[in-house]
Amino acid sequence: MKREDKIALERYKKRLEFARSAGQINPYETKDEQKARIERAKRDPEYLVQEYFPHYATAACADFQIESAMLTLKNPTIKLFDQWGRGLAKSVWDDIIKPFWLWIQNEAHYMVVVTVNKDRAAELAEDLRAEFEANPKIIHDFGEQSKSGQWEKGFYITKDGFIVKGLGAGQSVRGLRVKSRRPDYIVVDDLETKETVKNPARQDEYVKWIERDLIPTMDGKIRRFLYANNRFAPVMIQTKLQEKHPKWKVLQVNAYDPVTYKPTWWQKYDDDYYRELEDPDEGIGILAAQAEYNNKPHVEGTIFKQENVQWGKMPKINHFNIIFGFWDIAYAGTKTSDYNAIVLQGVINGDYWIIDNFCKQSKMAEAVAYMCNITKDWLKRAPTVTIHWRYEAQFWNDEVERIIQEGQKLYNVKLNISRFDGPKTKKYDRILRLHPYYQSGRIYYSDKLKSNNDTQTGIAQLMGIEPGYKTHDDWPDAHQQGIALLEPYNGKGKGNGKMKQGRMKPKHARI
């Protein structure tokens, strides 16, 4: 036996062992009790999981999982994207629970599992095969399903006639028909890879293959097509399909609230799980977490590029000509709202430095607290340095000023903050004014901010600025307006740049 076959056999033995852990049957159960259980399982997918798949149910089912199952059952010709964040059990539901649930209701007869290649597709199909072969509760209620003959990895047929086949993306579909049977349940699972994301032509090939080859293999009254993948990149095979077929159903589920960190699958994850995951030191950082778990992919810049972002050891804060902190205000503080963005910047020798920043979907009070804490800290470390805080006038100025006053009182500090009427130029045009600064290498980020989540969120927003952009732009707006305030003080070519804070009074300062 080849080494690969031995490894595959050992994996399958572990799957069988896992399936057997579903629990024991009740030897004293009556036929009526058994029939009642089966009928209830047909109606209630949550009950089905509890009865037949307790070994998978490490937590109670989530509402979105039940919703997806009911949608799948109700529409025999559904085209559904289960676009759930990582860790929300989309593969378990689409590859195991749903097809089994449909099978016991005579709603699934031939399942095809599709992924990046045939071997991986065969692996995904193994989980359900192990359940049919070894799950004592399934065997008790529905009979022995494994059989000699067609019972192998990647292609098997139960005694009841249910067909399951693994298929690699792009493979010929001509061999899918088994006698008179054609597929009636197709699931595409984790098809996207880092390689396909970088290869738009390959993505287009898969889109055409799914549209013209794969889906048309189904020609009966039941033609369910499911696609299980989180959205971790801006352009993916699934997004191209969704754009071409707007009537296909997209059930997007984000793993957590980015403001409160409350988990969507609260039955499984605690309130600190995703907060810790976003931590740049202990976790994976906010950009990776948002992409993998919240379907919020990081955008690669087309105008502003990562290669133009310069990091450096920041000069001493009392050496800057002047320091401004500009606050772009957001009111709501919800997961769909704008960001409160504050960019603290200084200028020295013609170079502009991002010293610190705040970028969160928060209430205004949290942004004010940030400014108060920075000010108090600087009063201790550099009492001669003045931070000039500014914010753009809002139609709710009274509420903004009330929040500022409360913050100053709470933190026992006086902010040097004032409002001004914002520029009339379109925001996109204003933000583009930053581009020559980046191209000429005049903007630096303090290297202490490299692992700062707020900084990475802000840079991600900046990278998303392009014609017709639909991303958040609060941080780039605060960044640009701060640079505009600093520009008259740049002191380029004049002295050594070590001017005392607040003493320069330029004639045309926009304050």
Protein backbone atom coordinates (compact mmCIF):
# COMPACT_ATOMS: atom_id res chain seq x y z
CA MET A 1 0.00 0.00 0.00
CA LYS A 2 1.32 3.42 -0.93
CA ARG A 3 2.18 5.86 1.84
CA GLU A 4 -0.55 8.29 0.70
CA ASP A 5 -3.13 5.50 0.81
CA LYS A 6 -2.06 4.54 4.34
CA ILE A 7 -2.45 8.14 5.46
CA ALA A 8 -5.88 8.37 3.83
CA LEU A 9 -6.95 5.11 5.49
CA GLU A 10 -5.86 6.35 8.92
CA ARG A 11 -7.78 9.59 8.41
CA TYR A 12 -10.90 7.67 7.49
CA LYS A 13 -10.57 5.42 10.55
CA LYS A 14 -10.54 8.54 12.69
CA ARG A 15 -13.65 9.77 10.91
CA LEU A 16 -15.37 6.45 11.62
CA GLU A 17 -14.37 6.70 15.28
CA PHE A 18 -15.76 10.23 15.40
CA ALA A 19 -19.04 9.12 13.80
CA ARG A 20 -19.42 6.31 16.35
CA SER A 21 -19.21 8.91 19.12
CA ALA A 22 -22.70 10.12 18.16
CA GLY A 23 -23.98 8.03 21.08
CA GLN A 24 -25.89 4.87 21.78
CA ILE A 25 -29.44 4.00 20.84
CA ASN A 26 -32.16 3.37 23.38
CA PRO A 27 -32.79 -0.42 23.39
CA TYR A 28 -36.19 0.07 25.06
CA GLU A 29 -37.51 2.53 22.53
CA THR A 30 -40.83 1.71 20.88
CA LYS A 31 -41.47 1.86 17.15
CA ASP A 32 -43.83 4.78 17.71
CA GLU A 33 -41.14 6.70 19.59
CA GLN A 34 -38.66 6.03 16.80
CA LYS A 35 -41.12 7.16 14.14
CA ALA A 36 -41.93 10.33 16.11
CA ARG A 37 -38.23 11.16 16.39
CA ILE A 38 -37.66 10.75 12.67
CA GLU A 39 -40.69 12.86 11.78
CA ARG A 40 -39.60 15.63 14.14
CA ALA A 41 -36.07 15.57 12.70
CA LYS A 42 -37.54 16.08 9.24
CA ARG A 43 -39.29 19.25 10.42
CA ASP A 44 -36.66 20.64 12.76
CA PRO A 45 -32.99 20.85 11.67
CA GLU A 46 -31.87 21.88 15.15
CA TYR A 47 -33.46 18.77 16.63
CA LEU A 48 -31.88 16.69 13.85
CA VAL A 49 -28.43 17.96 14.85
CA GLN A 50 -29.07 17.17 18.51
CA GLU A 51 -30.25 13.64 17.73
CA TYR A 52 -27.94 12.49 14.93
CA PHE A 53 -24.91 14.79 15.08
CA PRO A 54 -24.29 15.57 18.78
CA HIS A 55 -20.57 14.96 18.18
CA TYR A 56 -20.54 17.99 15.86
CA ALA A 57 -22.75 20.06 18.16
CA THR A 58 -20.16 21.53 20.50
CA ALA A 59 -22.63 24.41 20.91
CA ALA A 60 -26.31 25.01 20.21
CA CYS A 61 -27.19 25.77 16.61
CA ALA A 62 -27.09 29.41 15.55
CA ASP A 63 -30.13 31.17 14.13
CA PHE A 64 -28.42 31.78 10.79
CA GLN A 65 -27.61 28.07 10.43
CA ILE A 66 -31.28 27.18 10.88
CA GLU A 67 -32.30 29.98 8.51
CA SER A 68 -29.97 28.66 5.81
CA ALA A 69 -31.26 25.11 6.22
CA MET A 70 -34.88 26.21 5.95
CA LEU A 71 -34.13 28.32 2.87
CA THR A 72 -32.46 25.32 1.26
CA LEU A 73 -35.38 23.00 1.96
CA LYS A 74 -38.13 25.39 0.87
CA ASN A 75 -36.68 26.13 -2.57
CA PRO A 76 -35.77 23.03 -4.63
CA THR A 77 -33.99 25.14 -7.27
CA ILE A 78 -32.19 27.52 -4.91
CA LYS A 79 -28.86 29.12 -5.72
CA LEU A 80 -27.49 30.03 -2.29
CA PHE A 81 -24.20 31.51 -1.11
CA ASP A 82 -23.52 30.68 2.53
CA GLN A 83 -21.06 33.55 2.88
CA TRP A 84 -20.27 33.02 6.54
CA GLY A 85 -17.17 34.08 8.42
CA ARG A 86 -14.55 31.55 9.36
CA GLY A 87 -15.47 29.27 12.26
CA LEU A 88 -19.24 29.42 11.67
CA ALA A 89 -19.52 25.77 10.46
CA LYS A 90 -20.52 26.44 6.84
CA SER A 91 -18.82 23.26 5.59
CA VAL A 92 -20.39 21.11 8.30
CA TRP A 93 -23.83 22.38 7.40
CA ASP A 94 -23.52 22.36 3.60
CA ASP A 95 -21.48 19.15 3.26
CA ILE A 96 -23.01 17.00 6.03
CA ILE A 97 -26.09 18.25 7.87
CA LYS A 98 -28.10 19.73 5.00
CA PRO A 99 -27.63 16.87 2.52
CA PHE A 100 -28.45 14.30 5.20
CA TRP A 101 -31.54 16.30 6.26
CA LEU A 102 -32.69 16.53 2.64
CA TRP A 103 -31.96 12.84 2.05
CA ILE A 104 -34.24 11.64 4.87
CA GLN A 105 -37.02 13.71 3.27
CA ASN A 106 -36.43 12.31 -0.23
CA GLU A 107 -35.20 15.77 -1.29
CA ALA A 108 -31.63 14.79 -2.20
CA HIS A 109 -30.55 11.83 -4.31
CA TYR A 110 -27.20 12.78 -5.84
CA MET A 111 -24.75 15.13 -4.15
CA VAL A 112 -21.62 16.58 -5.78
CA VAL A 113 -18.95 18.26 -3.66
CA VAL A 114 -16.70 20.67 -5.60
CA THR A 115 -13.50 22.31 -4.45
CA VAL A 116 -10.00 23.16 -5.72
CA ASN A 117 -9.07 19.64 -6.83
CA LYS A 118 -10.44 16.10 -6.92
CA ASP A 119 -8.42 14.84 -3.93
CA ARG A 120 -9.59 17.67 -1.69
CA ALA A 121 -13.20 17.22 -2.88
CA ALA A 122 -12.96 13.52 -2.04
CA GLU A 123 -11.72 14.42 1.45
CA LEU A 124 -14.72 16.70 2.02
CA ALA A 125 -17.08 13.92 0.92
CA GLU A 126 -15.54 11.47 3.40
CA ASP A 127 -17.22 13.03 6.44
CA LEU A 128 -20.72 12.12 5.32
CA ARG A 129 -19.59 8.65 4.18
CA ALA A 130 -18.26 7.96 7.68
CA GLU A 131 -21.60 9.01 9.18
CA PHE A 132 -23.51 6.62 6.93
CA GLU A 133 -21.10 3.81 7.76
CA ALA A 134 -20.58 4.20 11.51
CA ASN A 135 -23.06 6.58 13.14
CA PRO A 136 -25.12 4.21 15.36
CA LYS A 137 -28.17 6.49 15.44
CA ILE A 138 -28.31 6.83 11.66
CA ILE A 139 -27.89 3.08 11.19
CA HIS A 140 -30.61 2.34 13.75
CA ASP A 141 -33.18 4.69 12.18
CA PHE A 142 -32.34 4.38 8.48
CA GLY A 143 -30.56 1.06 8.17
CA GLU A 144 -27.07 0.02 7.09
CA GLN A 145 -25.99 2.25 4.21
CA SER A 146 -22.43 1.11 3.51
CA LYS A 147 -22.08 -1.71 1.02
CA SER A 148 -19.54 -3.65 -0.96
CA GLY A 149 -18.97 -2.34 -4.44
CA GLN A 150 -19.33 1.38 -4.93
CA TRP A 151 -18.14 2.52 -1.49
CA GLU A 152 -14.86 4.30 -1.92
CA LYS A 153 -13.26 7.64 -1.28
CA GLY A 154 -14.60 10.33 -3.56
CA PHE A 155 -17.47 8.30 -5.01
CA TYR A 156 -19.95 6.15 -3.12
CA ILE A 157 -23.56 5.01 -3.34
CA THR A 158 -25.55 4.07 -0.24
CA LYS A 159 -27.77 0.98 -0.11
CA ASP A 160 -30.68 3.38 -0.31
CA GLY A 161 -29.28 4.74 -3.59
CA PHE A 162 -27.94 8.12 -2.42
CA ILE A 163 -24.94 9.07 -4.60
CA VAL A 164 -22.06 11.26 -3.41
CA LYS A 165 -19.15 12.32 -5.62
CA GLY A 166 -16.16 14.63 -5.14
CA LEU A 167 -15.21 16.77 -8.13
CA GLY A 168 -12.27 19.08 -8.72
CA ALA A 169 -13.07 22.51 -10.14
CA GLY A 170 -12.73 22.62 -13.90
CA GLN A 171 -12.99 18.84 -14.36
CA SER A 172 -15.14 17.41 -17.09
CA VAL A 173 -18.70 16.90 -15.91
CA ARG A 174 -19.65 14.39 -18.59
CA GLY A 175 -19.13 11.47 -16.25
CA LEU A 176 -21.45 12.74 -13.55
CA ARG A 177 -24.55 10.94 -14.80
CA VAL A 178 -25.05 7.57 -13.08
CA LYS A 179 -27.52 5.58 -15.19
CA SER A 180 -30.60 7.81 -15.18
CA ARG A 181 -29.48 9.82 -12.15
CA ARG A 182 -28.11 13.33 -12.43
CA PRO A 183 -26.95 15.56 -9.56
CA ASP A 184 -29.65 17.42 -7.64
CA TYR A 185 -27.51 18.87 -4.82
CA ILE A 186 -24.22 20.58 -5.66
CA VAL A 187 -22.08 22.32 -3.08
CA VAL A 188 -18.98 24.35 -3.96
CA ASP A 189 -16.84 24.55 -0.83
CA ASP A 190 -13.79 26.75 -0.26
CA LEU A 191 -12.98 26.99 -3.95
CA GLU A 192 -11.08 30.29 -3.70
CA THR A 193 -7.34 30.22 -2.96
CA LYS A 194 -4.61 32.83 -2.74
CA GLU A 195 -3.57 31.79 -6.23
CA THR A 196 -6.99 32.31 -7.82
CA VAL A 197 -7.39 35.68 -6.08
CA LYS A 198 -4.24 36.81 -7.90
CA ASN A 199 -5.42 35.37 -11.22
CA PRO A 200 -8.59 37.08 -12.55
CA ALA A 201 -8.45 35.05 -15.77
CA ARG A 202 -8.54 31.81 -13.77
CA GLN A 203 -11.45 33.15 -11.75
CA ASP A 204 -13.35 33.90 -14.95
CA GLU A 205 -12.69 30.35 -16.18
CA TYR A 206 -14.22 28.91 -13.01
CA VAL A 207 -17.21 31.25 -13.24
CA LYS A 208 -17.93 30.05 -16.79
CA TRP A 209 -17.39 26.43 -15.80
CA ILE A 210 -19.88 26.73 -12.93
CA GLU A 211 -22.45 28.52 -15.12
CA ARG A 212 -22.09 26.50 -18.31
CA ASP A 213 -20.91 23.07 -17.20
CA LEU A 214 -21.53 22.36 -13.53
CA ILE A 215 -25.00 23.75 -12.82
CA PRO A 216 -26.50 22.46 -16.12
CA THR A 217 -25.72 18.87 -15.04
CA MET A 218 -28.87 19.21 -12.93
CA ASP A 219 -31.98 18.91 -15.08
CA GLY A 220 -34.75 17.63 -12.83
CA LYS A 221 -37.27 19.34 -10.57
CA ILE A 222 -34.69 19.48 -7.75
CA ARG A 223 -31.61 21.55 -8.61
CA ARG A 224 -30.06 22.97 -5.45
CA PHE A 225 -26.74 24.81 -5.81
CA LEU A 226 -24.88 25.94 -2.68
CA TYR A 227 -21.63 27.86 -2.41
CA ALA A 228 -19.81 27.87 0.94
CA ASN A 229 -16.99 30.40 1.33
CA ASN A 230 -16.25 33.46 3.39
CA ARG A 231 -15.43 36.64 1.49
CA PHE A 232 -11.77 37.23 2.33
CA ALA A 233 -10.77 39.13 -0.83
CA PRO A 234 -12.35 42.07 -2.71
CA VAL A 235 -12.85 40.13 -5.95
CA MET A 236 -13.58 36.42 -5.79
CA ILE A 237 -15.23 33.75 -7.90
CA GLN A 238 -18.32 34.04 -5.72
CA THR A 239 -18.51 37.85 -6.02
CA LYS A 240 -18.30 37.57 -9.80
CA LEU A 241 -21.12 35.04 -9.77
CA GLN A 242 -23.16 37.26 -7.46
CA GLU A 243 -22.71 40.28 -9.70
CA LYS A 244 -23.78 38.30 -12.78
CA HIS A 245 -26.75 36.71 -11.01
CA PRO A 246 -28.24 39.29 -8.62
CA LYS A 247 -31.31 37.12 -7.96
CA TRP A 248 -29.23 34.32 -6.45
CA LYS A 249 -29.49 34.37 -2.67
CA VAL A 250 -26.53 35.60 -0.60
CA LEU A 251 -26.70 34.83 3.11
CA GLN A 252 -23.77 36.79 4.51
CA VAL A 253 -23.04 36.26 8.18
CA ASN A 254 -20.24 38.10 9.95
CA ALA A 255 -18.74 36.38 12.97
CA TYR A 256 -18.87 39.37 15.32
CA ASP A 257 -19.89 42.96 15.82
CA PRO A 258 -16.78 45.09 15.11
CA VAL A 259 -17.86 47.69 17.69
CA THR A 260 -18.95 45.58 20.65
CA TYR A 261 -17.16 42.35 19.69
CA LYS A 262 -20.37 40.43 20.45
CA PRO A 263 -20.22 37.09 18.60
CA THR A 264 -22.97 36.24 16.13
CA TRP A 265 -22.76 32.59 17.17
CA TRP A 266 -23.03 33.55 20.81
CA GLN A 267 -23.87 29.98 21.79
CA LYS A 268 -20.30 28.96 20.91
CA TYR A 269 -18.01 31.97 21.35
CA ASP A 270 -17.63 34.18 24.41
CA ASP A 271 -17.67 37.98 24.37
CA ASP A 272 -13.86 38.30 24.42
CA TYR A 273 -13.01 35.74 21.75
CA TYR A 274 -12.91 38.12 18.78
CA ARG A 275 -11.52 41.01 20.78
CA GLU A 276 -8.50 38.83 21.58
CA LEU A 277 -8.37 37.65 17.97
CA GLU A 278 -7.98 41.23 16.74
CA ASP A 279 -5.10 41.90 19.12
CA PRO A 280 -2.02 42.58 16.95
CA ASP A 281 0.36 40.89 19.38
CA GLU A 282 -1.60 37.94 20.74
CA GLY A 283 -4.02 37.51 17.82
CA ILE A 284 -3.88 38.04 14.07
CA GLY A 285 -4.63 41.78 13.90
CA ILE A 286 -7.71 43.67 12.82
CA LEU A 287 -7.26 43.47 9.03
CA ALA A 288 -6.80 39.71 8.95
CA ALA A 289 -9.60 39.18 11.48
CA GLN A 290 -12.04 41.39 9.57
CA ALA A 291 -11.23 39.62 6.29
CA GLU A 292 -11.44 36.06 7.57
CA TYR A 293 -14.26 36.39 10.08
CA ASN A 294 -16.32 39.42 9.00
CA ASN A 295 -16.29 39.18 5.19
CA LYS A 296 -14.50 42.53 5.07
CA PRO A 297 -11.53 42.01 2.75
CA HIS A 298 -8.46 44.18 2.80
CA VAL A 299 -8.32 46.31 -0.35
CA GLU A 300 -5.05 46.59 -2.23
CA GLY A 301 -4.50 50.16 -3.36
CA THR A 302 -4.65 51.25 -6.98
CA ILE A 303 -3.87 54.93 -6.28
CA PHE A 304 -2.41 54.78 -2.79
CA LYS A 305 -0.16 51.74 -2.55
CA GLN A 306 1.43 49.89 0.33
CA GLU A 307 4.85 50.51 -1.18
CA ASN A 308 4.38 54.26 -0.61
CA VAL A 309 3.74 53.85 3.12
CA GLN A 310 7.00 54.78 4.88
CA TRP A 311 7.80 53.80 8.44
CA GLY A 312 10.52 55.44 10.49
CA LYS A 313 11.83 56.32 13.90
CA MET A 314 9.92 59.44 14.79
CA PRO A 315 11.73 62.63 15.84
CA LYS A 316 11.25 63.84 19.39
CA ILE A 317 7.84 65.42 19.72
CA ASN A 318 9.27 68.74 20.98
CA HIS A 319 11.24 69.05 17.72
CA PHE A 320 8.22 69.34 15.47
CA ASN A 321 7.32 72.74 14.07
CA ILE A 322 3.70 72.24 15.12
CA ILE A 323 1.36 69.34 15.82
CA PHE A 324 -2.28 69.05 14.79
CA GLY A 325 -4.82 66.41 15.66
CA PHE A 326 -7.78 66.40 13.28
CA TRP A 327 -11.02 64.67 14.23
CA ASP A 328 -13.43 63.46 11.54
CA ILE A 329 -16.62 63.00 13.53
CA ALA A 330 -19.09 60.12 13.33
CA TYR A 331 -22.20 60.04 15.44
CA ALA A 332 -23.81 56.61 15.53
CA GLY A 333 -21.17 54.17 16.76
CA THR A 334 -22.71 51.06 15.16
CA LYS A 335 -21.22 48.30 12.98
CA THR A 336 -22.64 49.96 9.86
CA SER A 337 -21.81 53.56 10.76
CA ASP A 338 -18.91 55.77 9.78
CA TYR A 339 -15.71 55.76 11.80
CA ASN A 340 -14.61 58.32 14.33
CA ALA A 341 -11.17 59.08 12.92
CA ILE A 342 -8.47 61.20 14.55
CA VAL A 343 -5.05 61.59 13.00
CA LEU A 344 -2.33 63.22 15.09
CA GLN A 345 0.35 64.65 12.80
CA GLY A 346 3.38 66.87 12.95
CA VAL A 347 5.71 68.55 10.45
CA ILE A 348 9.48 68.92 10.56
CA ASN A 349 11.98 69.77 7.80
CA GLY A 350 9.26 69.48 5.17
CA ASP A 351 8.28 65.97 6.23
CA TYR A 352 4.91 65.04 7.69
CA TRP A 353 4.71 62.44 10.44
CA ILE A 354 1.74 60.44 11.63
CA ILE A 355 2.40 60.36 15.34
CA ASP A 356 -0.70 58.60 16.59
CA ASN A 357 -4.28 57.98 15.53
CA PHE A 358 -7.72 56.70 16.42
CA CYS A 359 -10.03 54.93 13.96
CA LYS A 360 -13.06 53.11 15.32
CA GLN A 361 -16.79 52.70 14.74
CA SER A 362 -17.42 54.21 18.12
CA LYS A 363 -19.49 56.81 19.91
CA MET A 364 -18.08 60.35 20.02
CA ALA A 365 -17.30 60.02 23.73
CA GLU A 366 -14.68 57.36 23.00
CA ALA A 367 -12.93 59.65 20.52
CA VAL A 368 -12.93 62.49 23.05
CA ALA A 369 -11.53 60.14 25.68
CA TYR A 370 -8.68 59.31 23.29
CA MET A 371 -7.81 63.01 22.86
CA CYS A 372 -8.01 63.64 26.61
CA ASN A 373 -5.71 60.73 27.41
CA ILE A 374 -3.17 61.77 24.77
CA THR A 375 -3.19 65.34 26.09
CA LYS A 376 -2.75 64.25 29.72
CA ASP A 377 0.09 61.93 28.77
CA TRP A 378 1.89 64.67 26.84
CA LEU A 379 1.49 67.15 29.69
CA LYS A 380 3.57 64.77 31.77
CA ARG A 381 6.13 63.77 29.13
CA ALA A 382 6.48 67.00 27.15
CA PRO A 383 4.79 69.92 28.95
CA THR A 384 6.13 72.46 26.42
CA VAL A 385 4.39 70.75 23.49
CA THR A 386 0.93 71.92 22.49
CA ILE A 387 -1.44 69.75 20.50
CA HIS A 388 -3.80 71.77 18.34
CA TRP A 389 -6.98 69.70 18.13
CA ARG A 390 -9.44 70.56 15.38
CA TYR A 391 -12.75 69.22 14.16
CA GLU A 392 -14.99 70.09 11.27
CA ALA A 393 -18.26 71.87 12.05
CA GLN A 394 -21.31 69.57 12.15
CA PHE A 395 -25.02 70.25 12.10
CA TRP A 396 -25.07 68.78 15.64
CA ASN A 397 -22.36 71.12 16.99
CA ASP A 398 -24.14 71.52 20.33
CA GLU A 399 -24.01 67.78 20.94
CA VAL A 400 -20.32 67.63 19.94
CA GLU A 401 -19.46 70.45 22.34
CA ARG A 402 -21.44 68.79 25.13
CA ILE A 403 -19.49 65.54 24.67
CA ILE A 404 -16.20 67.46 24.64
CA GLN A 405 -17.10 69.33 27.85
CA GLU A 406 -18.08 66.09 29.58
CA GLY A 407 -14.84 64.44 28.50
CA GLN A 408 -12.68 67.30 29.73
CA LYS A 409 -14.45 67.24 33.09
CA LEU A 410 -14.22 63.45 33.40
CA TYR A 411 -10.50 63.35 32.59
CA ASN A 412 -9.67 66.64 34.29
CA VAL A 413 -7.92 68.10 31.29
CA LYS A 414 -8.40 71.08 29.00
CA LEU A 415 -8.25 70.30 25.31
CA ASN A 416 -6.89 72.92 22.96
CA ILE A 417 -9.72 72.12 20.54
CA SER A 418 -11.76 74.25 18.17
CA ARG A 419 -13.99 73.74 15.20
CA PHE A 420 -13.79 75.26 11.75
CA ASP A 421 -15.90 75.23 8.65
CA GLY A 422 -14.76 72.48 6.35
CA PRO A 423 -13.62 72.94 2.76
CA LYS A 424 -16.20 72.91 -0.03
CA THR A 425 -14.15 70.70 -2.33
CA LYS A 426 -15.45 67.17 -2.94
CA LYS A 427 -13.99 64.71 -0.48
CA TYR A 428 -12.56 62.42 -3.16
CA ASP A 429 -10.72 65.33 -4.81
CA ARG A 430 -9.38 66.49 -1.46
CA ILE A 431 -8.10 63.04 -0.49
CA LEU A 432 -6.31 62.74 -3.83
CA ARG A 433 -4.26 65.78 -2.81
CA LEU A 434 -2.41 63.40 -0.51
CA HIS A 435 -1.13 61.39 -3.45
CA PRO A 436 1.82 63.62 -4.42
CA TYR A 437 2.91 63.71 -0.77
CA TYR A 438 3.13 59.92 -0.77
CA GLN A 439 4.75 59.74 -4.20
CA SER A 440 7.45 62.20 -3.19
CA GLY A 441 8.08 60.40 0.10
CA ARG A 442 7.08 63.29 2.37
CA ILE A 443 4.76 61.33 4.68
CA TYR A 444 6.10 59.04 7.39
CA TYR A 445 4.40 56.79 9.92
CA SER A 446 5.95 56.27 13.34
CA ASP A 447 7.32 52.73 13.40
CA LYS A 448 5.66 52.30 16.79
CA LEU A 449 2.31 52.21 14.95
CA LYS A 450 3.09 49.20 12.75
CA SER A 451 1.07 46.75 14.81
CA ASN A 452 -1.56 49.30 15.82
CA ASN A 453 -5.05 48.21 14.73
CA ASP A 454 -6.33 51.76 14.29
CA THR A 455 -3.40 52.56 12.01
CA GLN A 456 -3.91 49.44 9.91
CA THR A 457 -7.63 50.20 9.62
CA GLY A 458 -6.81 53.75 8.51
CA ILE A 459 -4.28 52.61 5.92
CA ALA A 460 -6.79 50.06 4.61
CA GLN A 461 -9.30 52.88 4.11
CA LEU A 462 -6.67 54.93 2.30
CA MET A 463 -5.85 52.00 0.00
CA GLY A 464 -9.53 51.76 -0.89
CA ILE A 465 -9.70 55.26 -2.35
CA GLU A 466 -10.21 54.98 -6.10
CA PRO A 467 -12.79 56.21 -8.64
CA GLY A 468 -16.26 55.12 -7.58
CA TYR A 469 -15.04 53.73 -4.25
CA LYS A 470 -17.62 52.47 -1.76
CA THR A 471 -15.33 51.96 1.21
CA HIS A 472 -15.13 54.08 4.34
CA ASP A 473 -13.04 57.23 3.92
CA ASP A 474 -13.11 58.80 7.40
CA TRP A 475 -9.46 58.24 8.24
CA PRO A 476 -8.10 59.47 4.85
CA ASP A 477 -10.32 62.56 5.23
CA ALA A 478 -8.93 63.33 8.70
CA HIS A 479 -5.42 62.61 7.42
CA GLN A 480 -5.78 65.02 4.48
CA GLN A 481 -7.35 67.83 6.47
CA GLY A 482 -4.60 67.54 9.06
CA ILE A 483 -1.92 67.78 6.35
CA ALA A 484 -3.67 70.89 4.98
CA LEU A 485 -3.46 72.46 8.44
CA LEU A 486 0.23 71.57 8.73
CA GLU A 487 1.29 72.71 5.25
CA PRO A 488 1.79 76.44 6.09
CA TYR A 489 4.11 75.42 8.93
CA ASN A 490 6.31 73.01 7.01
CA GLY A 491 9.41 75.22 7.37
CA LYS A 492 11.04 73.41 4.46
CA GLY A 493 14.38 74.98 3.76
CA LYS A 494 14.06 77.35 6.70
CA GLY A 495 16.24 76.66 9.71
CA ASN A 496 16.63 73.33 11.42
CA GLY A 497 12.95 72.77 12.09
CA LYS A 498 13.36 72.95 15.86
CA MET A 499 10.88 75.75 16.36
CA LYS A 500 8.99 76.23 19.57
CA GLN A 501 5.45 74.92 19.55
CA GLY A 502 2.77 77.42 18.66
CA ARG A 503 5.08 80.35 17.89
CA MET A 504 4.81 80.23 14.11
CA LYS A 505 1.96 82.41 12.87
CA PRO A 506 1.83 81.89 9.13
CA LYS A 507 -0.01 84.48 7.15
CA HIS A 508 -2.22 82.05 5.28
CA ALA A 509 -2.79 79.35 7.88
CA ARG A 510 -6.08 77.51 7.41
CA ILE A 511 -7.17 77.15 11.01
